[in-house]
Amino acid sequence: MRPKTIIAGILIVVGIVVLAYSGITYKTRGKPVDIGPLHVETTKSHFIPPVVGAVALVGGIMLLVLDTRKA
């Protein structure tokens, strides 16, 4: 398989997943905070909006269509 086809497939799958869940929220670890005897782990939430999924889906389809036309 060619790299363009693989990238197109990945974009299509990611686009479908993000659209199916109406956006994805994921958490990353932040800085740990030490306040006296307390030790608190912080997290940061990141939201991937559905628009990004739509763009990824359309981009993957376009990449796949343009790749098959040249072949």
N, C-alpha and C. Protein backbone atom coordinates (compact mmCIF):
# COMPACT_ATOMS: atom_id res chain seq x y z
N MET A 1 0.84 -1.19 0.00
CA MET A 1 0.00 0.00 0.00
C MET A 1 0.88 1.25 0.00
N ARG A 2 0.35 2.27 -0.61
CA ARG A 2 1.08 3.52 -0.67
C ARG A 2 0.80 4.35 0.57
N PRO A 3 1.74 5.21 0.94
CA PRO A 3 1.56 6.04 2.13
C PRO A 3 0.32 6.94 2.06
N LYS A 4 -0.01 7.46 0.88
CA LYS A 4 -1.20 8.31 0.76
C LYS A 4 -2.47 7.55 1.09
N THR A 5 -2.53 6.30 0.68
CA THR A 5 -3.71 5.48 0.95
C THR A 5 -3.84 5.20 2.44
N ILE A 6 -2.73 4.94 3.10
CA ILE A 6 -2.74 4.68 4.54
C ILE A 6 -3.17 5.93 5.30
N ILE A 7 -2.62 7.08 4.94
CA ILE A 7 -2.97 8.34 5.60
C ILE A 7 -4.45 8.65 5.37
N ALA A 8 -4.93 8.41 4.15
CA ALA A 8 -6.34 8.65 3.85
C ALA A 8 -7.24 7.76 4.71
N GLY A 9 -6.87 6.51 4.86
CA GLY A 9 -7.64 5.59 5.69
C GLY A 9 -7.66 6.02 7.15
N ILE A 10 -6.53 6.45 7.66
CA ILE A 10 -6.45 6.92 9.05
C ILE A 10 -7.32 8.15 9.24
N LEU A 11 -7.26 9.10 8.31
CA LEU A 11 -8.08 10.31 8.41
C LEU A 11 -9.57 9.97 8.38
N ILE A 12 -9.96 9.04 7.54
CA ILE A 12 -11.37 8.65 7.45
C ILE A 12 -11.83 8.02 8.76
N VAL A 13 -11.03 7.12 9.31
CA VAL A 13 -11.41 6.46 10.57
C VAL A 13 -11.49 7.46 11.71
N VAL A 14 -10.50 8.35 11.82
CA VAL A 14 -10.51 9.37 12.88
C VAL A 14 -11.72 10.29 12.72
N GLY A 15 -12.01 10.68 11.49
CA GLY A 15 -13.16 11.55 11.24
C GLY A 15 -14.47 10.90 11.64
N ILE A 16 -14.63 9.62 11.32
CA ILE A 16 -15.86 8.91 11.68
C ILE A 16 -15.99 8.77 13.19
N VAL A 17 -14.89 8.46 13.87
CA VAL A 17 -14.93 8.30 15.34
C VAL A 17 -15.29 9.61 16.01
N VAL A 18 -14.66 10.71 15.60
CA VAL A 18 -14.95 12.01 16.22
C VAL A 18 -16.39 12.42 15.95
N LEU A 19 -16.88 12.20 14.75
CA LEU A 19 -18.27 12.54 14.45
C LEU A 19 -19.26 11.64 15.19
N ALA A 20 -18.93 10.37 15.34
CA ALA A 20 -19.84 9.44 16.02
C ALA A 20 -20.02 9.79 17.48
N TYR A 21 -18.98 10.29 18.12
CA TYR A 21 -19.06 10.64 19.53
C TYR A 21 -19.34 12.11 19.76
N SER A 22 -19.66 12.86 18.73
CA SER A 22 -19.93 14.31 18.81
C SER A 22 -18.80 15.04 19.51
N GLY A 23 -17.61 14.73 19.12
CA GLY A 23 -16.44 15.34 19.72
C GLY A 23 -15.85 14.41 20.77
N ILE A 24 -14.58 14.56 21.02
CA ILE A 24 -13.89 13.71 21.99
C ILE A 24 -13.20 14.61 23.02
N THR A 25 -13.35 14.26 24.28
CA THR A 25 -12.64 14.95 25.35
C THR A 25 -11.64 13.98 25.94
N TYR A 26 -10.40 14.40 26.02
CA TYR A 26 -9.40 13.56 26.64
C TYR A 26 -8.62 14.37 27.66
N LYS A 27 -8.05 13.70 28.63
CA LYS A 27 -7.34 14.38 29.72
C LYS A 27 -5.86 14.05 29.66
N THR A 28 -5.06 15.05 29.98
CA THR A 28 -3.62 14.85 30.10
C THR A 28 -3.19 15.26 31.50
N ARG A 29 -2.09 14.70 31.92
CA ARG A 29 -1.59 15.04 33.24
C ARG A 29 -0.95 16.41 33.23
N GLY A 30 -1.27 17.18 34.24
CA GLY A 30 -0.67 18.49 34.40
C GLY A 30 0.42 18.43 35.44
N LYS A 31 0.79 19.57 35.98
CA LYS A 31 1.81 19.61 37.01
C LYS A 31 1.23 19.16 38.35
N PRO A 32 1.99 18.35 39.09
CA PRO A 32 1.53 18.03 40.44
C PRO A 32 1.72 19.24 41.35
N VAL A 33 0.77 19.43 42.25
CA VAL A 33 0.80 20.59 43.14
C VAL A 33 1.00 20.09 44.57
N ASP A 34 2.01 20.60 45.23
CA ASP A 34 2.26 20.27 46.63
C ASP A 34 1.92 21.47 47.49
N ILE A 35 0.89 21.32 48.34
CA ILE A 35 0.49 22.38 49.25
C ILE A 35 0.63 21.80 50.66
N GLY A 36 1.76 22.08 51.28
CA GLY A 36 2.00 21.52 52.61
C GLY A 36 2.00 20.00 52.54
N PRO A 37 1.18 19.35 53.36
CA PRO A 37 1.15 17.88 53.35
C PRO A 37 0.29 17.31 52.21
N LEU A 38 -0.42 18.16 51.49
CA LEU A 38 -1.28 17.69 50.41
C LEU A 38 -0.51 17.56 49.10
N HIS A 39 -0.78 16.51 48.39
CA HIS A 39 -0.20 16.30 47.06
C HIS A 39 -1.37 16.11 46.10
N VAL A 40 -1.55 17.04 45.17
CA VAL A 40 -2.69 17.01 44.25
C VAL A 40 -2.18 16.86 42.83
N GLU A 41 -2.72 15.86 42.12
CA GLU A 41 -2.42 15.68 40.70
C GLU A 41 -3.43 16.50 39.91
N THR A 42 -2.97 17.30 38.99
CA THR A 42 -3.88 18.09 38.17
C THR A 42 -4.03 17.43 36.80
N THR A 43 -5.17 17.66 36.19
CA THR A 43 -5.41 17.17 34.83
C THR A 43 -5.94 18.32 33.99
N LYS A 44 -5.65 18.24 32.71
CA LYS A 44 -6.16 19.22 31.76
C LYS A 44 -7.05 18.49 30.77
N SER A 45 -8.22 19.05 30.52
CA SER A 45 -9.14 18.46 29.56
C SER A 45 -9.00 19.16 28.21
N HIS A 46 -8.99 18.36 27.16
CA HIS A 46 -8.90 18.89 25.81
C HIS A 46 -10.09 18.35 25.03
N PHE A 47 -10.75 19.22 24.26
CA PHE A 47 -11.93 18.84 23.51
C PHE A 47 -11.64 18.94 22.02
N ILE A 48 -11.93 17.88 21.30
CA ILE A 48 -11.80 17.88 19.84
C ILE A 48 -13.21 18.06 19.28
N PRO A 49 -13.51 19.21 18.68
CA PRO A 49 -14.87 19.46 18.20
C PRO A 49 -15.21 18.61 16.97
N PRO A 50 -16.51 18.40 16.75
CA PRO A 50 -16.94 17.60 15.60
C PRO A 50 -16.52 18.19 14.26
N VAL A 51 -16.31 19.49 14.20
CA VAL A 51 -15.88 20.12 12.94
C VAL A 51 -14.54 19.55 12.50
N VAL A 52 -13.66 19.30 13.45
CA VAL A 52 -12.36 18.71 13.13
C VAL A 52 -12.55 17.31 12.55
N GLY A 53 -13.50 16.56 13.09
CA GLY A 53 -13.80 15.24 12.55
C GLY A 53 -14.32 15.31 11.13
N ALA A 54 -15.18 16.29 10.87
CA ALA A 54 -15.72 16.46 9.52
C ALA A 54 -14.61 16.82 8.53
N VAL A 55 -13.72 17.71 8.95
CA VAL A 55 -12.60 18.11 8.07
C VAL A 55 -11.69 16.91 7.81
N ALA A 56 -11.41 16.11 8.84
CA ALA A 56 -10.57 14.93 8.67
C ALA A 56 -11.22 13.92 7.72
N LEU A 57 -12.53 13.73 7.87
CA LEU A 57 -13.26 12.79 7.01
C LEU A 57 -13.23 13.25 5.56
N VAL A 58 -13.55 14.50 5.32
CA VAL A 58 -13.55 15.03 3.95
C VAL A 58 -12.13 15.01 3.37
N GLY A 59 -11.15 15.37 4.18
CA GLY A 59 -9.76 15.36 3.71
C GLY A 59 -9.31 13.96 3.35
N GLY A 60 -9.69 12.97 4.15
CA GLY A 60 -9.32 11.59 3.85
C GLY A 60 -9.98 11.09 2.58
N ILE A 61 -11.25 11.43 2.40
CA ILE A 61 -11.95 11.02 1.18
C ILE A 61 -11.33 11.69 -0.05
N MET A 62 -11.04 12.97 0.06
CA MET A 62 -10.43 13.68 -1.07
C MET A 62 -9.06 13.09 -1.40
N LEU A 63 -8.27 12.80 -0.38
CA LEU A 63 -6.95 12.22 -0.60
C LEU A 63 -7.06 10.85 -1.26
N LEU A 64 -8.04 10.08 -0.85
CA LEU A 64 -8.24 8.74 -1.43
C LEU A 64 -8.71 8.85 -2.89
N VAL A 65 -9.64 9.78 -3.18
CA VAL A 65 -10.14 9.95 -4.53
C VAL A 65 -9.04 10.47 -5.46
N LEU A 66 -8.29 11.45 -4.98
CA LEU A 66 -7.22 11.99 -5.82
C LEU A 66 -6.12 10.97 -6.05
N ASP A 67 -5.88 10.10 -5.07
CA ASP A 67 -4.85 9.08 -5.21
C ASP A 67 -5.27 8.01 -6.23
N THR A 68 -6.55 7.66 -6.26
CA THR A 68 -7.00 6.63 -7.21
C THR A 68 -7.11 7.18 -8.63
N ARG A 69 -7.33 8.47 -8.77
CA ARG A 69 -7.40 9.06 -10.14
C ARG A 69 -6.05 9.02 -10.82
N LYS A 70 -4.97 9.25 -10.07
CA LYS A 70 -3.64 9.28 -10.67
C LYS A 70 -3.13 7.87 -10.98
N ALA A 71 -3.66 6.86 -10.29
CA ALA A 71 -3.17 5.49 -10.49
C ALA A 71 -3.64 4.89 -11.79
